[in-house]
Structures are given as C-alpha cells and as structure tokens.
N, C-alpha and C. Protein backbone atom coordinates (compact mmCIF):
# COMPACT_ATOMS: atom_id res chain seq x y z
N MET A 1 2.42 -8.87 24.54
CA MET A 1 3.16 -9.55 23.50
C MET A 1 4.05 -8.53 22.79
N TYR A 2 5.21 -8.97 22.38
CA TYR A 2 6.17 -8.09 21.72
C TYR A 2 6.43 -8.58 20.30
N GLY A 3 6.53 -7.62 19.35
CA GLY A 3 6.88 -7.94 17.98
C GLY A 3 8.38 -8.05 17.82
N LYS A 4 8.84 -8.41 16.63
CA LYS A 4 10.27 -8.54 16.35
C LYS A 4 11.01 -7.22 16.57
N ASN A 5 10.33 -6.12 16.34
CA ASN A 5 10.95 -4.80 16.52
C ASN A 5 10.64 -4.21 17.89
N ASN A 6 10.26 -5.05 18.85
CA ASN A 6 9.92 -4.67 20.22
C ASN A 6 8.66 -3.83 20.32
N PHE A 7 7.80 -3.85 19.29
CA PHE A 7 6.51 -3.19 19.35
C PHE A 7 5.63 -3.96 20.33
N VAL A 8 4.97 -3.25 21.20
CA VAL A 8 4.11 -3.90 22.19
C VAL A 8 2.71 -4.06 21.61
N TRP A 9 2.26 -5.30 21.49
CA TRP A 9 0.92 -5.61 21.00
C TRP A 9 0.01 -5.86 22.21
N GLU A 10 -1.15 -5.26 22.17
CA GLU A 10 -2.12 -5.46 23.24
C GLU A 10 -2.90 -6.74 23.00
N THR A 11 -3.28 -7.42 24.07
CA THR A 11 -4.08 -8.63 23.93
C THR A 11 -5.57 -8.33 23.93
N GLU A 12 -5.96 -7.14 24.37
CA GLU A 12 -7.35 -6.72 24.40
C GLU A 12 -7.57 -5.57 23.42
N PRO A 13 -8.72 -5.51 22.76
CA PRO A 13 -8.98 -4.38 21.85
C PRO A 13 -9.12 -3.08 22.65
N PRO A 14 -8.87 -1.94 22.00
CA PRO A 14 -9.01 -0.68 22.72
C PRO A 14 -10.47 -0.42 23.08
N PRO A 15 -10.72 0.35 24.11
CA PRO A 15 -12.10 0.62 24.50
C PRO A 15 -12.84 1.40 23.42
N ALA A 16 -14.13 1.14 23.28
CA ALA A 16 -14.94 1.85 22.29
C ALA A 16 -15.10 3.30 22.73
N GLY A 17 -15.19 4.18 21.77
CA GLY A 17 -15.37 5.59 22.09
C GLY A 17 -15.02 6.44 20.88
N ARG A 18 -14.75 7.69 21.13
CA ARG A 18 -14.42 8.60 20.04
C ARG A 18 -13.06 8.27 19.44
N ARG A 19 -12.95 8.49 18.14
CA ARG A 19 -11.67 8.29 17.45
C ARG A 19 -10.73 9.43 17.76
N ARG A 20 -9.45 9.12 17.80
CA ARG A 20 -8.46 10.16 18.02
C ARG A 20 -8.33 10.99 16.75
N GLU A 21 -7.85 12.21 16.89
CA GLU A 21 -7.77 13.17 15.77
C GLU A 21 -6.98 12.61 14.59
N GLN A 22 -5.86 11.92 14.85
CA GLN A 22 -5.02 11.43 13.75
C GLN A 22 -5.64 10.23 13.05
N ASP A 23 -6.70 9.64 13.59
CA ASP A 23 -7.34 8.49 12.97
C ASP A 23 -8.48 8.87 12.03
N ILE A 24 -8.78 10.15 11.91
CA ILE A 24 -9.89 10.60 11.09
C ILE A 24 -9.37 11.05 9.73
N ILE A 25 -9.89 10.46 8.66
CA ILE A 25 -9.50 10.82 7.30
C ILE A 25 -10.42 11.93 6.83
N ARG A 26 -9.85 13.04 6.45
CA ARG A 26 -10.65 14.20 6.05
C ARG A 26 -10.61 14.46 4.55
N MET A 27 -9.84 13.66 3.81
CA MET A 27 -9.76 13.83 2.35
C MET A 27 -10.70 12.85 1.67
N GLN A 28 -11.16 13.23 0.50
CA GLN A 28 -11.99 12.35 -0.31
C GLN A 28 -11.08 11.31 -0.97
N PRO A 29 -11.34 10.01 -0.83
CA PRO A 29 -10.48 9.01 -1.45
C PRO A 29 -10.67 8.97 -2.96
N GLY A 30 -9.68 8.44 -3.64
CA GLY A 30 -9.77 8.25 -5.08
C GLY A 30 -8.81 9.13 -5.85
N VAL A 31 -8.98 9.14 -7.15
CA VAL A 31 -8.11 9.88 -8.05
C VAL A 31 -8.41 11.37 -7.91
N THR A 32 -7.36 12.17 -7.84
CA THR A 32 -7.55 13.61 -7.71
C THR A 32 -7.68 14.26 -9.08
N GLY A 33 -8.02 15.50 -9.11
CA GLY A 33 -8.13 16.24 -10.36
C GLY A 33 -6.79 16.51 -11.00
N LEU A 34 -5.70 16.22 -10.30
CA LEU A 34 -4.36 16.46 -10.83
C LEU A 34 -3.88 15.34 -11.74
N SER A 35 -4.60 14.23 -11.77
CA SER A 35 -4.16 13.12 -12.62
C SER A 35 -4.41 13.45 -14.08
N THR A 36 -3.44 13.10 -14.91
CA THR A 36 -3.54 13.44 -16.34
C THR A 36 -3.34 12.22 -17.22
N THR A 37 -3.66 11.05 -16.74
CA THR A 37 -3.49 9.85 -17.55
C THR A 37 -4.69 9.68 -18.48
N ASP A 38 -4.39 9.17 -19.68
CA ASP A 38 -5.43 9.02 -20.69
C ASP A 38 -5.80 7.57 -20.97
N ASP A 39 -4.90 6.64 -20.66
CA ASP A 39 -5.22 5.26 -20.98
C ASP A 39 -4.78 4.33 -19.85
N ILE A 40 -5.20 3.08 -19.96
CA ILE A 40 -4.98 2.11 -18.90
C ILE A 40 -3.50 1.81 -18.73
N ALA A 41 -2.70 1.86 -19.79
CA ALA A 41 -1.27 1.59 -19.68
C ALA A 41 -0.58 2.64 -18.82
N ASP A 42 -0.97 3.89 -18.94
CA ASP A 42 -0.39 4.95 -18.11
C ASP A 42 -0.73 4.73 -16.63
N VAL A 43 -1.95 4.34 -16.36
CA VAL A 43 -2.36 4.08 -14.98
C VAL A 43 -1.58 2.89 -14.43
N PHE A 44 -1.43 1.83 -15.23
CA PHE A 44 -0.67 0.65 -14.80
C PHE A 44 0.76 1.04 -14.45
N GLN A 45 1.37 1.89 -15.25
CA GLN A 45 2.76 2.29 -15.02
C GLN A 45 2.91 3.18 -13.79
N LEU A 46 1.84 3.78 -13.32
CA LEU A 46 1.91 4.55 -12.08
C LEU A 46 2.16 3.63 -10.88
N PHE A 47 1.63 2.41 -10.96
CA PHE A 47 1.73 1.48 -9.84
C PHE A 47 2.82 0.43 -10.03
N VAL A 48 3.05 0.00 -11.26
CA VAL A 48 4.02 -1.05 -11.54
C VAL A 48 5.16 -0.42 -12.34
N THR A 49 6.28 -0.20 -11.67
CA THR A 49 7.42 0.45 -12.31
C THR A 49 8.22 -0.54 -13.14
N LYS A 50 9.15 -0.01 -13.93
CA LYS A 50 10.02 -0.85 -14.75
C LYS A 50 10.83 -1.79 -13.87
N GLU A 51 11.26 -1.32 -12.71
CA GLU A 51 12.04 -2.16 -11.80
C GLU A 51 11.22 -3.34 -11.30
N ILE A 52 9.95 -3.12 -11.04
CA ILE A 52 9.08 -4.21 -10.59
C ILE A 52 8.91 -5.24 -11.71
N VAL A 53 8.69 -4.76 -12.93
CA VAL A 53 8.53 -5.68 -14.07
C VAL A 53 9.82 -6.47 -14.28
N ASP A 54 10.97 -5.80 -14.19
CA ASP A 54 12.26 -6.50 -14.35
C ASP A 54 12.41 -7.59 -13.29
N ASN A 55 12.03 -7.28 -12.06
CA ASN A 55 12.13 -8.28 -10.99
C ASN A 55 11.18 -9.44 -11.24
N ILE A 56 9.98 -9.18 -11.73
CA ILE A 56 9.03 -10.24 -12.04
C ILE A 56 9.60 -11.16 -13.12
N VAL A 57 10.21 -10.57 -14.15
CA VAL A 57 10.80 -11.37 -15.23
C VAL A 57 11.94 -12.23 -14.70
N ILE A 58 12.81 -11.66 -13.87
CA ILE A 58 13.93 -12.42 -13.32
C ILE A 58 13.43 -13.59 -12.48
N GLN A 59 12.46 -13.32 -11.61
CA GLN A 59 11.96 -14.39 -10.72
C GLN A 59 11.17 -15.43 -11.49
N THR A 60 10.46 -15.03 -12.53
CA THR A 60 9.72 -15.99 -13.37
C THR A 60 10.69 -16.91 -14.09
N ASN A 61 11.75 -16.31 -14.67
CA ASN A 61 12.75 -17.12 -15.37
C ASN A 61 13.48 -18.05 -14.39
N ARG A 62 13.75 -17.58 -13.19
CA ARG A 62 14.41 -18.41 -12.17
C ARG A 62 13.50 -19.59 -11.80
N GLU A 63 12.23 -19.34 -11.64
CA GLU A 63 11.28 -20.40 -11.29
C GLU A 63 11.15 -21.41 -12.45
N ALA A 64 11.23 -20.91 -13.69
CA ALA A 64 11.09 -21.81 -14.85
C ALA A 64 12.27 -22.78 -14.95
N LYS A 65 13.43 -22.34 -14.49
CA LYS A 65 14.60 -23.23 -14.53
C LYS A 65 14.42 -24.34 -13.53
C-alpha cells in the first residue's frame, strides 16, 4: 500500500526480534533540570504560543458567527 507521499506501508507487522539502534530511547523522559518555570502559566506558555491562542480566538469567533 502507498501513502499520499508515496510512502510504502507494509501489510504485515515486522518480525519480532531485537530493536534497531535508532529505536532505543536512552534519555530519561520528562522535564530536565534546565527548566526554570515557577508557575502553571509559564508552563502553559511553553506549549501554547500567542499565535496559537490568536488562531483559537479567530476560529472561535468565526464559528460563533
């Protein structure tokens, strides 16, 4: 099967066995010691930028009309 971008999708799952080197995550997940946020608003702004909020407002107002 082919995707829209000509990516070839397999119809059968790959054989079970050892994971390839690039598939192994060696870092600890989560927030690193480099984060310096003090409150929930700062954390929210790390993920939701002003542009995203502006787009939400525009689309909400468009839907309300």
